[in-house]
Amino acid sequence: MYNADEQFEKLGLTLPPAPAPKGVYKPYVIDGKYLYLSGHGPVQDDASLMIGRIGSDISPEDGKLAARQVGLTMLSTIKTNLGSLNKIKRVIKVLGMVNCTADFLYHPGVINGCSELFAAVWGEENGIGTRSAVGFGSLPDNIPVEIEALFELY
């Protein structure tokens, strides 16, 4: 069986602390064989948030790194609450929201930061699901990226 925990270790990345809810919601819900993750932001290793609007405060390249950091934050929520990345069978759906200027046009390239991470952890067959990448005029705390996702569990 594919070992996502081992694959993550090979990547040499670290997980930030899993964030606590900042509102009236649950960070995740399990319904049968599905795991729903609420929108996550880019939590850094020191628990601070990356902030800034893509197209004015930060570059698209830094936005892509922020999306990868959101992916790491999501992995932290999974590992903290489920105990292992191996509980995930596959990624079903990713919704990426990009805090950007009105003239910014490269939302998918930004969200690729998260999608490429998931593909590296669970492999291309199970780590790439359906996806939407859309632009927003603002996001909470001025974070550059927020992402929510749906996973199938083993």
Protein backbone atom coordinates (compact mmCIF):
# COMPACT_ATOMS: atom_id res chain seq x y z
CA MET A 1 0.00 0.00 0.00
CA TYR A 2 1.16 3.55 -0.78
CA ASN A 3 2.59 5.29 2.29
CA ALA A 4 1.79 9.03 2.25
CA ASP A 5 3.47 9.62 5.62
CA GLU A 6 6.75 8.20 4.28
CA GLN A 7 6.37 10.16 1.06
CA PHE A 8 5.87 13.38 3.04
CA GLU A 9 9.03 12.67 5.06
CA LYS A 10 10.99 12.23 1.80
CA LEU A 11 9.92 15.72 0.72
CA GLY A 12 11.78 17.18 3.71
CA LEU A 13 8.99 19.64 4.54
CA THR A 14 7.67 20.58 7.97
CA LEU A 15 4.09 20.96 9.11
CA PRO A 16 2.97 24.16 10.79
CA PRO A 17 0.71 23.89 13.84
CA ALA A 18 -2.85 22.92 13.00
CA PRO A 19 -4.95 26.08 13.31
CA ALA A 20 -7.80 26.42 15.79
CA PRO A 21 -11.09 27.79 14.42
CA LYS A 22 -11.38 31.59 14.49
CA GLY A 23 -15.15 31.52 14.12
CA VAL A 24 -18.18 29.32 14.55
CA TYR A 25 -17.20 26.28 12.48
CA LYS A 26 -15.36 22.97 12.65
CA PRO A 27 -11.97 22.64 10.94
CA TYR A 28 -13.03 19.25 9.57
CA VAL A 29 -16.02 16.92 9.41
CA ILE A 30 -16.00 13.21 8.62
CA ASP A 31 -19.12 11.89 6.90
CA GLY A 32 -18.86 8.17 6.21
CA LYS A 33 -15.88 7.75 3.91
CA TYR A 34 -15.41 11.48 3.25
CA LEU A 35 -13.31 14.10 5.02
CA TYR A 36 -14.33 17.72 4.50
CA LEU A 37 -11.76 20.37 5.42
CA SER A 38 -12.93 23.92 6.06
CA GLY A 39 -11.11 26.78 4.41
CA HIS A 40 -7.50 26.98 5.58
CA GLY A 41 -5.05 29.84 5.33
CA PRO A 42 -1.24 29.87 5.08
CA VAL A 43 -0.11 29.21 8.65
CA GLN A 44 3.65 29.42 9.06
CA ASP A 45 5.80 27.32 11.40
CA ASP A 46 5.62 30.03 14.09
CA ALA A 47 1.76 29.97 13.85
CA SER A 48 1.63 33.39 12.17
CA LEU A 49 -0.24 33.90 8.90
CA MET A 50 1.27 34.91 5.58
CA ILE A 51 -0.54 38.07 4.49
CA GLY A 52 -0.87 40.22 1.37
CA ARG A 53 -2.81 40.62 -1.86
CA ILE A 54 -1.44 39.00 -4.99
CA GLY A 55 -0.84 41.53 -7.73
CA SER A 56 -0.15 44.42 -5.35
CA ASP A 57 1.59 43.28 -2.14
CA ILE A 58 3.04 39.96 -3.27
CA SER A 59 4.04 38.32 -6.54
CA PRO A 60 2.27 35.39 -8.20
CA GLU A 61 5.32 33.25 -7.34
CA ASP A 62 4.99 34.14 -3.65
CA GLY A 63 1.26 33.48 -3.96
CA LYS A 64 2.05 29.98 -5.21
CA LEU A 65 4.32 29.47 -2.18
CA ALA A 66 1.46 30.70 0.03
CA ALA A 67 -0.85 28.11 -1.58
CA ARG A 68 1.73 25.42 -0.84
CA GLN A 69 1.82 26.64 2.76
CA VAL A 70 -1.98 26.35 2.90
CA GLY A 71 -1.58 22.76 1.69
CA LEU A 72 0.90 22.10 4.48
CA THR A 73 -1.55 23.61 6.97
CA MET A 74 -4.26 21.28 5.67
CA LEU A 75 -1.91 18.31 6.01
CA SER A 76 -1.26 19.40 9.59
CA THR A 77 -4.99 19.40 10.33
CA ILE A 78 -5.28 15.90 8.86
CA LYS A 79 -2.26 14.52 10.73
CA THR A 80 -3.22 16.20 14.03
CA ASN A 81 -6.82 15.01 13.97
CA LEU A 82 -6.67 11.71 12.07
CA GLY A 83 -3.16 10.65 13.12
CA SER A 84 -1.80 9.85 9.68
CA LEU A 85 -1.82 11.03 6.06
CA ASN A 86 -2.30 7.34 5.19
CA LYS A 87 -5.98 7.66 6.21
CA ILE A 88 -6.56 9.57 2.96
CA LYS A 89 -7.36 7.43 -0.07
CA ARG A 90 -7.57 10.30 -2.55
CA VAL A 91 -8.19 13.98 -3.10
CA ILE A 92 -11.65 14.54 -4.55
CA LYS A 93 -12.08 18.32 -4.74
CA VAL A 94 -10.03 21.43 -4.02
CA LEU A 95 -11.48 24.95 -3.96
CA GLY A 96 -8.76 27.61 -4.06
CA MET A 97 -9.59 31.23 -3.33
CA VAL A 98 -7.02 33.86 -4.28
CA ASN A 99 -6.92 37.32 -2.67
CA CYS A 100 -5.89 39.38 -5.68
CA THR A 101 -6.23 42.59 -7.61
CA ALA A 102 -9.08 42.87 -10.11
CA ASP A 103 -6.69 42.60 -13.08
CA PHE A 104 -4.96 39.40 -11.85
CA LEU A 105 -5.60 36.49 -14.23
CA TYR A 106 -3.46 33.55 -13.07
CA HIS A 107 -5.47 32.03 -10.23
CA PRO A 108 -4.82 28.40 -11.33
CA GLY A 109 -1.05 28.97 -11.28
CA VAL A 110 -1.27 30.17 -7.69
CA ILE A 111 -3.41 27.24 -6.52
CA ASN A 112 -0.99 24.84 -8.22
CA GLY A 113 1.19 25.35 -5.14
CA CYS A 114 -1.28 23.30 -3.11
CA SER A 115 -2.20 20.87 -5.89
CA GLU A 116 1.44 20.04 -6.63
CA LEU A 117 2.02 19.36 -2.92
CA PHE A 118 -0.95 16.99 -2.73
CA ALA A 119 0.26 15.20 -5.89
CA ALA A 120 3.71 14.82 -4.32
CA VAL A 121 2.25 13.39 -1.10
CA TRP A 122 -0.43 11.02 -2.48
CA GLY A 123 0.88 10.51 -6.02
CA GLU A 124 -0.65 11.86 -9.23
CA GLU A 125 -3.38 9.22 -9.39
CA ASN A 126 -4.79 9.90 -5.91
CA GLY A 127 -3.36 13.33 -5.10
CA ILE A 128 -4.99 15.24 -7.96
CA GLY A 129 -8.74 15.72 -7.85
CA THR A 130 -11.22 18.13 -9.32
CA ARG A 131 -10.52 21.80 -8.63
CA SER A 132 -11.69 25.36 -8.84
CA ALA A 133 -9.36 28.38 -8.57
CA VAL A 134 -11.09 31.74 -8.26
CA GLY A 135 -10.21 35.32 -7.38
CA PHE A 136 -11.59 37.33 -4.47
CA GLY A 137 -11.40 41.01 -3.59
CA SER A 138 -10.38 40.14 -0.03
CA LEU A 139 -9.90 37.19 2.31
CA PRO A 140 -9.88 37.01 6.13
CA ASP A 141 -6.91 38.76 7.79
CA ASN A 142 -5.68 39.74 4.30
CA ILE A 143 -4.30 36.22 3.67
CA PRO A 144 -3.28 35.69 0.03
CA VAL A 145 -4.90 32.26 -0.34
CA GLU A 146 -7.65 30.21 1.32
CA ILE A 147 -8.31 26.62 0.31
CA GLU A 148 -10.93 24.04 1.27
CA ALA A 149 -10.95 20.40 0.19
CA LEU A 150 -12.81 17.13 0.12
CA PHE A 151 -11.00 13.80 0.54
CA GLU A 152 -12.02 10.15 0.37
CA LEU A 153 -10.93 8.11 3.39
CA TYR A 154 -9.83 4.47 3.50
